PDB file of N, CA and C in Angstrom:
ATOM      1  N   MET A   1      14.066 -33.881 131.173  1.00  0.00           N
ATOM      2  CA  MET A   1      14.651 -33.123 132.403  1.00  0.00           C
ATOM      3  C   MET A   1      15.784 -33.942 132.976  1.00  0.00           C
ATOM      4  N   LYS A   2      16.799 -33.143 133.506  1.00  0.00           N
ATOM      5  CA  LYS A   2      17.938 -33.968 134.274  1.00  0.00           C
ATOM      6  C   LYS A   2      17.409 -34.788 135.233  1.00  0.00           C
ATOM      7  N   ARG A   3      18.118 -35.710 135.757  1.00  0.00           N
ATOM      8  CA  ARG A   3      17.803 -36.528 136.901  1.00  0.00           C
ATOM      9  C   ARG A   3      17.435 -35.656 138.097  1.00  0.00           C
ATOM     10  N   TYR A   4      16.429 -36.002 138.760  1.00  0.00           N
ATOM     11  CA  TYR A   4      16.021 -35.453 139.977  1.00  0.00           C
ATOM     12  C   TYR A   4      15.739 -36.250 141.101  1.00  0.00           C
ATOM     13  N   SER A   5      15.739 -35.697 142.273  1.00  0.00           N
ATOM     14  CA  SER A   5      15.251 -36.629 143.377  1.00  0.00           C
ATOM     15  C   SER A   5      14.518 -35.810 144.311  1.00  0.00           C
ATOM     16  N   ILE A   6      13.714 -36.325 145.119  1.00  0.00           N
ATOM     17  CA  ILE A   6      12.931 -35.760 146.112  1.00  0.00           C
ATOM     18  C   ILE A   6      13.356 -36.277 147.486  1.00  0.00           C
ATOM     19  N   VAL A   7      13.856 -35.487 148.277  1.00  0.00           N
ATOM     20  CA  VAL A   7      14.417 -35.870 149.562  1.00  0.00           C
ATOM     21  C   VAL A   7      13.573 -35.274 150.745  1.00  0.00           C
ATOM     22  N   ARG A   8      13.340 -36.176 151.763  1.00  0.00           N
ATOM     23  CA  ARG A   8      12.437 -35.639 152.957  1.00  0.00           C
ATOM     24  C   ARG A   8      13.600 -35.233 153.953  1.00  0.00           C
ATOM     25  N   ILE A   9      13.386 -34.012 154.288  1.00  0.00           N
ATOM     26  CA  ILE A   9      14.299 -33.338 155.335  1.00  0.00           C
ATOM     27  C   ILE A   9      13.428 -32.798 156.495  1.00  0.00           C
ATOM     28  N   GLY A  10      13.208 -33.413 157.598  1.00  0.00           N
ATOM     29  CA  GLY A  10      12.295 -33.145 158.569  1.00  0.00           C
ATOM     30  C   GLY A  10      10.821 -33.196 158.096  1.00  0.00           C
ATOM     31  N   SER A  11      10.153 -32.197 158.136  1.00  0.00           N
ATOM     32  CA  SER A  11       8.766 -32.208 157.651  1.00  0.00           C
ATOM     33  C   SER A  11       8.492 -31.712 156.327  1.00  0.00           C
ATOM     34  N   GLU A  12       9.659 -31.344 155.624  1.00  0.00           N
ATOM     35  CA  GLU A  12       9.619 -30.813 154.239  1.00  0.00           C
ATOM     36  C   GLU A  12      10.268 -31.655 153.135  1.00  0.00           C
ATOM     37  N   TYR A  13       9.938 -31.360 151.944  1.00  0.00           N
ATOM     38  CA  TYR A  13      10.589 -32.177 150.900  1.00  0.00           C
ATOM     39  C   TYR A  13      11.378 -31.357 149.999  1.00  0.00           C
ATOM     40  N   VAL A  14      12.723 -31.697 149.823  1.00  0.00           N
ATOM     41  CA  VAL A  14      13.569 -30.825 148.977  1.00  0.00           C
ATOM     42  C   VAL A  14      13.807 -31.472 147.544  1.00  0.00           C
ATOM     43  N   VAL A  15      13.554 -30.808 146.441  1.00  0.00           N
ATOM     44  CA  VAL A  15      13.752 -31.321 145.023  1.00  0.00           C
ATOM     45  C   VAL A  15      15.240 -30.985 144.847  1.00  0.00           C
ATOM     46  N   GLN A  16      15.830 -31.954 144.407  1.00  0.00           N
ATOM     47  CA  GLN A  16      17.219 -31.829 144.054  1.00  0.00           C
ATOM     48  C   GLN A  16      17.375 -32.321 142.593  1.00  0.00           C
ATOM     49  N   ALA A  17      18.322 -31.465 141.842  1.00  0.00           N
ATOM     50  CA  ALA A  17      18.749 -31.830 140.466  1.00  0.00           C
ATOM     51  C   ALA A  17      20.105 -32.172 140.564  1.00  0.00           C
ATOM     52  N   GLY A  18      20.542 -33.547 140.447  1.00  0.00           N
ATOM     53  CA  GLY A  18      21.923 -33.891 140.765  1.00  0.00           C
ATOM     54  C   GLY A  18      22.229 -33.616 142.265  1.00  0.00           C
ATOM     55  N   LYS A  19      23.164 -32.986 142.620  1.00  0.00           N
ATOM     56  CA  LYS A  19      23.490 -32.609 143.964  1.00  0.00           C
ATOM     57  C   LYS A  19      23.019 -31.268 144.440  1.00  0.00           C
ATOM     58  N   THR A  20      22.310 -30.507 143.549  1.00  0.00           N
ATOM     59  CA  THR A  20      21.862 -29.136 143.869  1.00  0.00           C
ATOM     60  C   THR A  20      20.522 -29.122 144.294  1.00  0.00           C
ATOM     61  N   SER A  21      20.249 -28.575 145.347  1.00  0.00           N
ATOM     62  CA  SER A  21      18.871 -28.384 145.898  1.00  0.00           C
ATOM     63  C   SER A  21      18.155 -27.217 145.214  1.00  0.00           C
ATOM     64  N   ILE A  22      17.011 -27.502 144.675  1.00  0.00           N
ATOM     65  CA  ILE A  22      16.357 -26.530 143.657  1.00  0.00           C
ATOM     66  C   ILE A  22      15.156 -25.882 144.546  1.00  0.00           C
ATOM     67  N   LEU A  23      14.379 -26.576 145.194  1.00  0.00           N
ATOM     68  CA  LEU A  23      13.332 -25.995 145.914  1.00  0.00           C
ATOM     69  C   LEU A  23      12.879 -26.916 147.102  1.00  0.00           C
ATOM     70  N   LYS A  24      12.188 -26.179 148.027  1.00  0.00           N
ATOM     71  CA  LYS A  24      11.655 -26.958 149.191  1.00  0.00           C
ATOM     72  C   LYS A  24      10.182 -26.743 149.266  1.00  0.00           C
ATOM     73  N   VAL A  25       9.454 -27.849 149.500  1.00  0.00           N
ATOM     74  CA  VAL A  25       7.919 -27.756 149.629  1.00  0.00           C
ATOM     75  C   VAL A  25       7.511 -28.626 150.805  1.00  0.00           C
ATOM     76  N   SER A  26       6.154 -28.400 151.075  1.00  0.00           N
ATOM     77  CA  SER A  26       5.664 -29.120 152.203  1.00  0.00           C
ATOM     78  C   SER A  26       5.138 -30.547 151.967  1.00  0.00           C
ATOM     79  N   SER A  27       4.868 -30.922 150.725  1.00  0.00           N
ATOM     80  CA  SER A  27       4.298 -32.206 150.424  1.00  0.00           C
ATOM     81  C   SER A  27       5.078 -32.863 149.229  1.00  0.00           C
ATOM     82  N   ARG A  28       5.034 -34.301 149.252  1.00  0.00           N
ATOM     83  CA  ARG A  28       5.661 -34.919 148.157  1.00  0.00           C
ATOM     84  C   ARG A  28       4.877 -34.802 146.886  1.00  0.00           C
ATOM     85  N   ARG A  29       3.478 -34.662 147.062  1.00  0.00           N
ATOM     86  CA  ARG A  29       2.620 -34.482 145.904  1.00  0.00           C
ATOM     87  C   ARG A  29       2.698 -33.204 145.229  1.00  0.00           C
ATOM     88  N   GLU A  30       2.919 -32.225 146.000  1.00  0.00           N
ATOM     89  CA  GLU A  30       3.391 -30.715 145.467  1.00  0.00           C
ATOM     90  C   GLU A  30       4.798 -30.871 144.654  1.00  0.00           C
ATOM     91  N   ALA A  31       5.755 -31.515 145.265  1.00  0.00           N
ATOM     92  CA  ALA A  31       6.970 -31.652 144.664  1.00  0.00           C
ATOM     93  C   ALA A  31       6.790 -32.396 143.243  1.00  0.00           C
ATOM     94  N   ASP A  32       6.036 -33.581 143.260  1.00  0.00           N
ATOM     95  CA  ASP A  32       5.966 -34.222 141.953  1.00  0.00           C
ATOM     96  C   ASP A  32       5.229 -33.343 140.910  1.00  0.00           C
ATOM     97  N   LYS A  33       4.189 -32.611 141.256  1.00  0.00           N
ATOM     98  CA  LYS A  33       3.517 -31.724 140.322  1.00  0.00           C
ATOM     99  C   LYS A  33       4.444 -30.743 139.861  1.00  0.00           C
ATOM    100  N   LEU A  34       5.231 -30.015 140.646  1.00  0.00           N
ATOM    101  CA  LEU A  34       6.216 -29.049 140.179  1.00  0.00           C
ATOM    102  C   LEU A  34       7.150 -29.506 139.289  1.00  0.00           C
ATOM    103  N   ILE A  35       7.602 -30.666 139.470  1.00  0.00           N
ATOM    104  CA  ILE A  35       8.557 -31.397 138.610  1.00  0.00           C
ATOM    105  C   ILE A  35       8.106 -31.691 137.345  1.00  0.00           C
ATOM    106  N   THR A  36       6.799 -32.167 137.309  1.00  0.00           N
ATOM    107  CA  THR A  36       6.087 -32.497 135.994  1.00  0.00           C
ATOM    108  C   THR A  36       5.800 -31.119 135.267  1.00  0.00           C
ATOM    109  N   ASP A  37       5.420 -30.138 135.955  1.00  0.00           N
ATOM    110  CA  ASP A  37       5.043 -28.832 135.302  1.00  0.00           C
ATOM    111  C   ASP A  37       6.392 -28.243 134.617  1.00  0.00           C
ATOM    112  N   ALA A  38       7.462 -28.347 135.424  1.00  0.00           N
ATOM    113  CA  ALA A  38       8.763 -27.791 134.895  1.00  0.00           C
ATOM    114  C   ALA A  38       9.126 -28.565 133.634  1.00  0.00           C
ATOM    115  N   ALA A  39       9.135 -29.921 133.691  1.00  0.00           N
ATOM    116  CA  ALA A  39       9.483 -30.747 132.552  1.00  0.00           C
ATOM    117  C   ALA A  39       8.706 -30.334 131.366  1.00  0.00           C
ATOM    118  N   GLU A  40       7.498 -30.088 131.385  1.00  0.00           N
ATOM    119  CA  GLU A  40       6.571 -29.834 130.372  1.00  0.00           C
ATOM    120  C   GLU A  40       6.987 -28.480 129.833  1.00  0.00           C
ATOM    121  N   LEU A  41       7.277 -27.488 130.620  1.00  0.00           N
ATOM    122  CA  LEU A  41       7.678 -26.129 130.204  1.00  0.00           C
ATOM    123  C   LEU A  41       8.975 -26.206 129.573  1.00  0.00           C
ATOM    124  N   LEU A  42       9.898 -27.009 129.901  1.00  0.00           N
ATOM    125  CA  LEU A  42      11.227 -27.121 129.269  1.00  0.00           C
ATOM    126  C   LEU A  42      11.142 -27.882 127.910  1.00  0.00           C
ATOM    127  N   GLN A  43      10.103 -28.509 127.694  1.00  0.00           N
ATOM    128  CA  GLN A  43       9.826 -29.198 126.304  1.00  0.00           C
ATOM    129  C   GLN A  43       9.277 -28.140 125.190  1.00  0.00           C
ATOM    130  N   GLN A  44       8.670 -27.150 125.762  1.00  0.00           N
ATOM    131  CA  GLN A  44       7.931 -26.121 124.798  1.00  0.00           C
ATOM    132  C   GLN A  44       9.087 -25.351 124.108  1.00  0.00           C
ATOM    133  N   GLU A  45       8.533 -24.846 123.011  1.00  0.00           N
ATOM    134  CA  GLU A  45       9.303 -23.912 122.310  1.00  0.00           C
ATOM    135  C   GLU A  45       9.408 -22.586 122.924  1.00  0.00           C
ATOM    136  N   PRO A  46      10.498 -21.848 122.937  1.00  0.00           N
ATOM    137  CA  PRO A  46      10.545 -20.533 123.536  1.00  0.00           C
ATOM    138  C   PRO A  46       9.644 -19.707 122.833  1.00  0.00           C
ATOM    139  N   ALA A  47       9.106 -18.644 123.524  1.00  0.00           N
ATOM    140  CA  ALA A  47       8.318 -17.634 123.019  1.00  0.00           C
ATOM    141  C   ALA A  47       9.150 -16.674 122.367  1.00  0.00           C
ATOM    142  N   PRO A  48       8.753 -16.015 121.146  1.00  0.00           N
ATOM    143  CA  PRO A  48       9.651 -14.963 120.450  1.00  0.00           C
ATOM    144  C   PRO A  48       9.736 -13.808 121.472  1.00  0.00           C
ATOM    145  N   VAL A  49      10.946 -13.230 121.396  1.00  0.00           N
ATOM    146  CA  VAL A  49      11.165 -12.035 122.204  1.00  0.00           C
ATOM    147  C   VAL A  49      10.834 -10.775 121.524  1.00  0.00           C
ATOM    148  N   SER A  50      10.266  -9.981 122.235  1.00  0.00           N
ATOM    149  CA  SER A  50       9.716  -8.626 121.733  1.00  0.00           C
ATOM    150  C   SER A  50      10.393  -7.545 122.457  1.00  0.00           C
ATOM    151  N   ASP A  51      10.812  -6.491 121.752  1.00  0.00           N
ATOM    152  CA  ASP A  51      11.529  -5.394 122.324  1.00  0.00           C
ATOM    153  C   ASP A  51      10.461  -4.397 122.937  1.00  0.00           C
ATOM    154  N   GLU A  52       9.220  -4.615 122.673  1.00  0.00           N
ATOM    155  CA  GLU A  52       8.279  -3.697 123.284  1.00  0.00           C
ATOM    156  C   GLU A  52       7.990  -3.823 124.707  1.00  0.00           C
ATOM    157  N   HIS A  53       8.119  -5.116 125.226  1.00  0.00           N
ATOM    158  CA  HIS A  53       7.852  -5.299 126.581  1.00  0.00           C
ATOM    159  C   HIS A  53       9.056  -6.072 127.239  1.00  0.00           C
ATOM    160  N   PRO A  54       9.882  -5.329 127.825  1.00  0.00           N
ATOM    161  CA  PRO A  54      11.122  -5.979 128.385  1.00  0.00           C
ATOM    162  C   PRO A  54      10.795  -7.079 129.486  1.00  0.00           C
ATOM    163  N   SER A  55      11.483  -8.059 129.598  1.00  0.00           N
ATOM    164  CA  SER A  55      11.150  -9.134 130.531  1.00  0.00           C
ATOM    165  C   SER A  55      12.408  -9.353 131.385  1.00  0.00           C
ATOM    166  N   ILE A  56      12.323 -10.293 132.225  1.00  0.00           N
ATOM    167  CA  ILE A  56      13.542 -10.596 133.195  1.00  0.00           C
ATOM    168  C   ILE A  56      14.604 -11.077 132.168  1.00  0.00           C
ATOM    169  N   GLY A  57      15.814 -10.595 132.459  1.00  0.00           N
ATOM    170  CA  GLY A  57      16.907 -10.867 131.612  1.00  0.00           C
ATOM    171  C   GLY A  57      17.267  -9.882 130.608  1.00  0.00           C
ATOM    172  N   HIS A  58      16.429  -8.940 130.378  1.00  0.00           N
ATOM    173  CA  HIS A  58      16.694  -7.806 129.469  1.00  0.00           C
ATOM    174  C   HIS A  58      16.975  -6.543 130.256  1.00  0.00           C
ATOM    175  N   GLU A  59      17.824  -5.736 129.848  1.00  0.00           N
ATOM    176  CA  GLU A  59      18.133  -4.483 130.418  1.00  0.00           C
ATOM    177  C   GLU A  59      17.141  -3.490 130.180  1.00  0.00           C
ATOM    178  N   ALA A  60      16.681  -2.685 131.183  1.00  0.00           N
ATOM    179  CA  ALA A  60      15.669  -1.644 131.013  1.00  0.00           C
ATOM    180  C   ALA A  60      16.399  -0.422 130.505  1.00  0.00           C
ATOM    181  N   PRO A  61      15.912   0.240 129.613  1.00  0.00           N
ATOM    182  CA  PRO A  61      16.437   1.520 129.002  1.00  0.00           C
ATOM    183  C   PRO A  61      16.744   2.412 130.077  1.00  0.00           C
ATOM    184  N   GLU A  62      17.788   3.162 129.956  1.00  0.00           N
ATOM    185  CA  GLU A  62      18.133   4.234 130.907  1.00  0.00           C
ATOM    186  C   GLU A  62      17.157   5.464 130.809  1.00  0.00           C
ATOM    187  N   LEU A  63      16.728   6.007 131.905  1.00  0.00           N
ATOM    188  CA  LEU A  63      15.916   7.149 131.934  1.00  0.00           C
ATOM    189  C   LEU A  63      16.648   8.475 132.087  1.00  0.00           C
ATOM    190  N   PRO A  64      16.213   9.467 131.374  1.00  0.00           N
ATOM    191  CA  PRO A  64      16.905  10.766 131.390  1.00  0.00           C
ATOM    192  C   PRO A  64      17.002  11.454 132.754  1.00  0.00           C
TER     193      PRO A  64
END
């Protein structure tokens, strides 16, 4: 995973990748867990795409 940082702003923690803020959470522990989970997901092989069940990123067929 790219370089990331966890920055405390007020009572919240902001996860940043480079200079881009990605998400805001209420605890550092939660931020650490989400980063770990994301890194594991990025290392997995992508699931095969099926035309039967459109998902995010696919255009839905036009209805008559």
